[in-house]
Amino acid sequence: MDSDLQQYLDDLVAAARDVLGTELVGAYAAGSVGLGAYQARRSDVDVALVSAGPLTEEAKRALVGRLRHESLPCPARGLELVVYRRAVAASGTPEPGFEVELNTGATMPFRCTLDPADRPATDGRFWYGLDRSILHQSGLPLLGPPAGEVFADPAPADLRRLIIEALSWWLALPTQPDDRQAPGAEDAVLGACRSLVRHRDGVWLAKVAAGRRLVDGGDASEVVRRAIAARHGGPPPTGGQARAFQRRVRDEIAGT
């Protein structure tokens, strides 16, 4: 972890403790930080906070005020923060179940949601159960006990359903016509690789690591190699290549 990121995470936890006091019982780095794949100029900073109980609206808004980019500048593309009650984190629920969701950063669209009911269904409700599954395996403790003791994995059937919902959501996004390079398609392809590795091997890997595992195993098409190369400046896959691969992965996981 580079020094700028470490300092930012230390400051974030300190600010959260100032607002929540003893209600804050845990703080965990997730996503690329937890999976050991953080890239300073590309990655988001994903953080999950855990509170002892429900938060008041006043506390939620105070937390957002202290942690948004304008108050605490994020050194990466942006911060994706979610706050969960301890009981929700331990429940294994596939539902969103969050107290606060905050997206904020210099190049990230601002989002502040204080109730899961206010989260637009079109934006996807699968993110949270998947993120808690990754936290259960690989969350990096910034405060509190090990993440595996705090976050429960969803039941296998629920996790499978969430992965299929995520792949279907990605497939529904607009993209370039089939024969044109589609910037961002590499992330869709590598995200599908991560889902496939979790389905087959029962482990969450960083996106590029998942793609490389499939390539090394001889069970990946050229589109995966192209997606990995795009992370290092190469041309991205076409829209058609990405969609075909995502459909194949979804069909395998769904058993169709």
Protein backbone atom coordinates (compact mmCIF):
# COMPACT_ATOMS: atom_id res chain seq x y z
CA MET A 1 0.00 0.00 0.00
CA ASP A 2 1.49 3.34 -0.99
CA SER A 3 1.95 6.07 1.61
CA ASP A 4 -0.76 8.38 0.20
CA LEU A 5 -3.35 5.62 0.37
CA GLN A 6 -2.28 4.55 3.86
CA GLN A 7 -2.54 8.12 5.13
CA TYR A 8 -5.95 8.55 3.51
CA LEU A 9 -7.30 5.39 5.11
CA ASP A 10 -5.92 6.42 8.50
CA ASP A 11 -7.58 9.83 8.16
CA LEU A 12 -10.85 8.26 7.02
CA VAL A 13 -11.02 5.97 10.05
CA ALA A 14 -10.16 8.87 12.38
CA ALA A 15 -12.91 11.04 10.86
CA ALA A 16 -15.44 8.20 11.12
CA ARG A 17 -14.55 7.70 14.79
CA ASP A 18 -15.00 11.41 15.42
CA VAL A 19 -18.56 11.18 14.06
CA LEU A 20 -19.66 7.75 15.28
CA GLY A 21 -17.66 7.35 18.48
CA THR A 22 -18.18 3.94 20.08
CA GLU A 23 -20.83 3.07 17.47
CA LEU A 24 -17.96 2.43 15.02
CA VAL A 25 -16.85 -1.14 15.67
CA GLY A 26 -14.98 -1.93 12.45
CA ALA A 27 -13.49 -0.50 9.26
CA TYR A 28 -12.32 -2.61 6.33
CA ALA A 29 -10.69 -1.99 2.97
CA ALA A 30 -12.41 -4.00 0.26
CA GLY A 31 -12.20 -4.23 -3.52
CA SER A 32 -8.78 -3.89 -5.13
CA VAL A 33 -7.14 -2.85 -1.84
CA GLY A 34 -8.37 -5.95 -0.04
CA LEU A 35 -7.47 -8.18 -2.99
CA GLY A 36 -3.96 -6.71 -3.29
CA ALA A 37 -4.50 -5.20 -6.74
CA TYR A 38 -4.78 -1.47 -6.06
CA GLN A 39 -3.49 0.82 -8.85
CA ALA A 40 -3.06 4.43 -7.77
CA ARG A 41 -4.28 6.05 -10.99
CA ARG A 42 -6.97 3.56 -11.88
CA SER A 43 -8.55 1.92 -8.83
CA ASP A 44 -11.28 3.14 -6.54
CA VAL A 45 -10.88 2.99 -2.78
CA ASP A 46 -13.56 0.66 -1.41
CA VAL A 47 -14.23 0.85 2.33
CA ALA A 48 -16.85 -0.79 4.53
CA LEU A 49 -17.60 0.60 7.98
CA VAL A 50 -19.47 -1.42 10.58
CA SER A 51 -21.64 0.20 13.24
CA ALA A 52 -22.90 -1.41 16.42
CA GLY A 53 -26.51 -0.54 15.59
CA PRO A 54 -28.68 1.61 13.34
CA LEU A 55 -27.49 5.15 12.68
CA THR A 56 -29.63 8.24 13.04
CA GLU A 57 -30.14 10.38 9.96
CA GLU A 58 -28.14 13.11 11.69
CA ALA A 59 -25.19 10.74 12.15
CA LYS A 60 -25.46 9.54 8.54
CA ARG A 61 -25.39 13.07 7.15
CA ALA A 62 -22.54 14.07 9.46
CA LEU A 63 -20.52 11.07 8.27
CA VAL A 64 -21.12 11.96 4.63
CA GLY A 65 -20.08 15.54 5.33
CA ARG A 66 -16.79 14.47 6.89
CA LEU A 67 -15.88 11.81 4.31
CA ARG A 68 -16.92 13.33 1.00
CA HIS A 69 -14.07 14.31 -1.31
CA GLU A 70 -14.50 18.05 -0.65
CA SER A 71 -13.75 17.45 3.05
CA LEU A 72 -11.30 14.55 2.83
CA PRO A 73 -9.67 14.44 -0.65
CA CYS A 74 -9.35 10.92 -2.01
CA PRO A 75 -6.00 10.17 -3.68
CA ALA A 76 -7.57 7.67 -6.10
CA ARG A 77 -10.37 7.96 -8.67
CA GLY A 78 -12.78 8.09 -5.77
CA LEU A 79 -14.11 6.56 -2.57
CA GLU A 80 -16.86 3.94 -2.57
CA LEU A 81 -17.98 3.70 1.05
CA VAL A 82 -20.73 1.57 2.56
CA VAL A 83 -21.77 1.42 6.22
CA TYR A 84 -23.44 -1.71 7.60
CA ARG A 85 -24.89 -2.57 10.98
CA ARG A 86 -22.96 -5.37 12.65
CA ALA A 87 -26.04 -7.62 12.59
CA VAL A 88 -26.45 -7.13 8.82
CA ALA A 89 -22.78 -7.81 8.12
CA ALA A 90 -23.01 -11.08 10.08
CA SER A 91 -26.31 -12.22 8.61
CA GLY A 92 -25.24 -13.38 5.14
CA THR A 93 -28.26 -11.62 3.65
CA PRO A 94 -28.24 -11.07 -0.13
CA GLU A 95 -30.16 -7.81 0.36
CA PRO A 96 -28.38 -4.41 0.31
CA GLY A 97 -28.98 -3.75 4.01
CA PHE A 98 -26.74 -0.68 4.25
CA GLU A 99 -26.99 2.34 6.53
CA VAL A 100 -25.07 4.73 4.24
CA GLU A 101 -23.71 4.51 0.72
CA LEU A 102 -21.31 7.21 -0.44
CA ASN A 103 -19.50 7.55 -3.76
CA THR A 104 -17.28 10.60 -3.97
CA GLY A 105 -14.12 11.66 -5.75
CA ALA A 106 -12.52 14.09 -8.16
CA THR A 107 -13.54 11.99 -11.18
CA MET A 108 -16.38 9.93 -9.68
CA PRO A 109 -20.08 10.86 -9.88
CA PHE A 110 -21.34 11.78 -6.41
CA ARG A 111 -23.85 9.42 -4.83
CA CYS A 112 -25.28 9.56 -1.32
CA THR A 113 -27.94 7.05 -0.31
CA LEU A 114 -29.17 6.84 3.27
CA ASP A 115 -31.76 4.08 2.84
CA PRO A 116 -31.60 1.00 0.57
CA ALA A 117 -35.20 1.70 -0.50
CA ASP A 118 -33.94 4.86 -2.21
CA ARG A 119 -31.42 2.96 -4.33
CA PRO A 120 -32.73 2.85 -7.94
CA ALA A 121 -33.37 -0.76 -8.96
CA THR A 122 -31.87 -0.01 -12.37
CA ASP A 123 -28.51 0.65 -10.71
CA GLY A 124 -28.42 -2.89 -9.33
CA ARG A 125 -29.05 -4.30 -5.87
CA PHE A 126 -26.57 -7.16 -6.20
CA TRP A 127 -23.42 -5.14 -5.41
CA TYR A 128 -23.67 -5.33 -1.63
CA GLY A 129 -24.00 -9.08 -1.13
CA LEU A 130 -21.12 -9.63 -3.57
CA ASP A 131 -18.98 -7.03 -1.80
CA ARG A 132 -19.67 -8.61 1.59
CA SER A 133 -18.67 -11.99 0.16
CA ILE A 134 -15.34 -10.50 -0.95
CA LEU A 135 -14.96 -8.82 2.44
CA HIS A 136 -15.58 -12.15 4.19
CA GLN A 137 -12.67 -13.64 2.26
CA SER A 138 -10.25 -10.76 1.82
CA GLY A 139 -11.31 -7.65 3.73
CA LEU A 140 -8.31 -5.75 5.11
CA PRO A 141 -8.96 -4.64 8.72
CA LEU A 142 -8.33 -0.97 9.39
CA LEU A 143 -10.14 -1.15 12.73
CA GLY A 144 -11.76 -4.04 14.55
CA PRO A 145 -11.60 -7.84 14.38
CA PRO A 146 -10.71 -9.87 11.24
CA ALA A 147 -13.15 -9.35 8.39
CA GLY A 148 -13.96 -13.06 8.21
CA GLU A 149 -15.38 -12.84 11.75
CA VAL A 150 -17.53 -9.81 10.90
CA PHE A 151 -18.86 -10.46 7.39
CA ALA A 152 -20.72 -13.64 6.52
CA ASP A 153 -20.75 -15.14 3.03
CA PRO A 154 -24.21 -15.38 1.43
CA ALA A 155 -25.62 -18.87 1.04
CA PRO A 156 -24.35 -20.56 -2.16
CA ALA A 157 -27.69 -20.28 -3.94
CA ASP A 158 -27.96 -16.58 -3.05
CA LEU A 159 -24.40 -15.89 -4.16
CA ARG A 160 -25.00 -17.66 -7.47
CA ARG A 161 -28.13 -15.59 -8.05
CA LEU A 162 -26.31 -12.35 -7.27
CA ILE A 163 -23.52 -13.20 -9.70
CA ILE A 164 -26.04 -13.96 -12.46
CA GLU A 165 -27.86 -10.68 -11.74
CA ALA A 166 -24.54 -8.80 -11.97
CA LEU A 167 -23.67 -10.37 -15.32
CA SER A 168 -27.15 -9.62 -16.66
CA TRP A 169 -26.84 -6.01 -15.53
CA TRP A 170 -23.51 -5.61 -17.32
CA LEU A 171 -24.96 -7.18 -20.47
CA ALA A 172 -27.83 -4.67 -20.45
CA LEU A 173 -25.51 -1.66 -20.51
CA PRO A 174 -25.16 0.14 -23.86
CA THR A 175 -21.88 -0.40 -25.69
CA GLN A 176 -20.27 0.09 -29.07
CA PRO A 177 -21.53 -1.93 -32.07
CA ASP A 178 -20.19 -5.47 -32.20
CA ASP A 179 -17.21 -4.76 -34.46
CA ARG A 180 -15.91 -1.63 -32.73
CA GLN A 181 -13.49 -1.37 -29.84
CA ALA A 182 -15.43 -0.55 -26.69
CA PRO A 183 -13.49 1.36 -24.01
CA GLY A 184 -14.39 -0.15 -20.65
CA ALA A 185 -15.20 -3.54 -22.17
CA GLU A 186 -12.03 -4.91 -20.59
CA ASP A 187 -13.49 -4.31 -17.12
CA ALA A 188 -16.70 -6.10 -18.08
CA VAL A 189 -14.73 -9.07 -19.42
CA LEU A 190 -12.40 -9.26 -16.43
CA GLY A 191 -15.31 -8.88 -14.03
CA ALA A 192 -16.89 -11.89 -15.71
CA CYS A 193 -13.59 -13.75 -15.29
CA ARG A 194 -13.67 -13.03 -11.56
CA SER A 195 -17.23 -14.34 -11.30
CA LEU A 196 -16.34 -17.51 -13.23
CA VAL A 197 -13.31 -18.23 -11.04
CA ARG A 198 -15.43 -17.75 -7.90
CA HIS A 199 -18.06 -20.13 -9.31
CA ARG A 200 -15.54 -22.79 -10.32
CA ASP A 201 -12.88 -22.52 -7.62
CA GLY A 202 -14.69 -20.90 -4.70
CA VAL A 203 -12.25 -18.01 -4.40
CA TRP A 204 -12.46 -14.31 -5.20
CA LEU A 205 -9.47 -12.95 -7.12
CA ALA A 206 -8.65 -9.51 -8.45
CA LYS A 207 -9.96 -9.08 -11.99
CA VAL A 208 -6.66 -9.37 -13.83
CA ALA A 209 -5.56 -12.29 -11.63
CA ALA A 210 -8.82 -14.08 -12.44
CA GLY A 211 -8.28 -13.51 -16.15
CA ARG A 212 -4.75 -14.85 -15.93
CA ARG A 213 -5.95 -17.94 -14.05
CA LEU A 214 -8.35 -18.72 -16.89
CA VAL A 215 -5.65 -18.11 -19.51
CA ASP A 216 -3.12 -20.26 -17.64
CA GLY A 217 -5.72 -23.01 -17.33
CA GLY A 218 -6.22 -23.05 -21.07
CA ASP A 219 -9.92 -22.34 -20.74
CA ALA A 220 -10.20 -18.75 -21.95
CA SER A 221 -10.76 -17.16 -25.32
CA GLU A 222 -8.64 -14.49 -26.97
CA VAL A 223 -10.97 -11.84 -25.55
CA VAL A 224 -9.55 -12.43 -22.05
CA ARG A 225 -5.97 -11.94 -23.25
CA ARG A 226 -7.07 -8.76 -24.99
CA ALA A 227 -8.82 -7.49 -21.86
CA ILE A 228 -5.68 -8.07 -19.78
CA ALA A 229 -3.54 -6.29 -22.36
CA ALA A 230 -5.97 -3.34 -22.38
CA ARG A 231 -5.18 -2.78 -18.70
CA HIS A 232 -1.65 -1.95 -19.84
CA GLY A 233 -2.53 0.35 -22.72
CA GLY A 234 -3.56 -2.12 -25.42
CA PRO A 235 -6.78 -1.86 -27.43
CA PRO A 236 -9.91 -3.01 -25.58
CA PRO A 237 -12.13 -5.85 -26.82
CA THR A 238 -15.01 -5.03 -29.13
CA GLY A 239 -18.52 -4.80 -27.81
CA GLY A 240 -19.43 -8.06 -29.52
CA GLN A 241 -16.47 -9.94 -28.05
CA ALA A 242 -17.24 -8.73 -24.55
CA ARG A 243 -20.94 -9.58 -24.76
CA ALA A 244 -20.32 -13.05 -26.17
CA PHE A 245 -17.88 -13.85 -23.35
CA GLN A 246 -20.21 -12.48 -20.67
CA ARG A 247 -23.10 -14.57 -22.03
CA ARG A 248 -20.95 -17.69 -22.00
CA VAL A 249 -19.92 -17.08 -18.40
CA ARG A 250 -23.51 -16.34 -17.34
CA ASP A 251 -24.78 -19.47 -19.05
CA GLU A 252 -22.17 -21.65 -17.33
CA ILE A 253 -22.94 -20.23 -13.90
CA ALA A 254 -26.69 -20.50 -14.49
CA GLY A 255 -26.27 -24.06 -15.70
CA THR A 256 -27.95 -23.42 -19.04
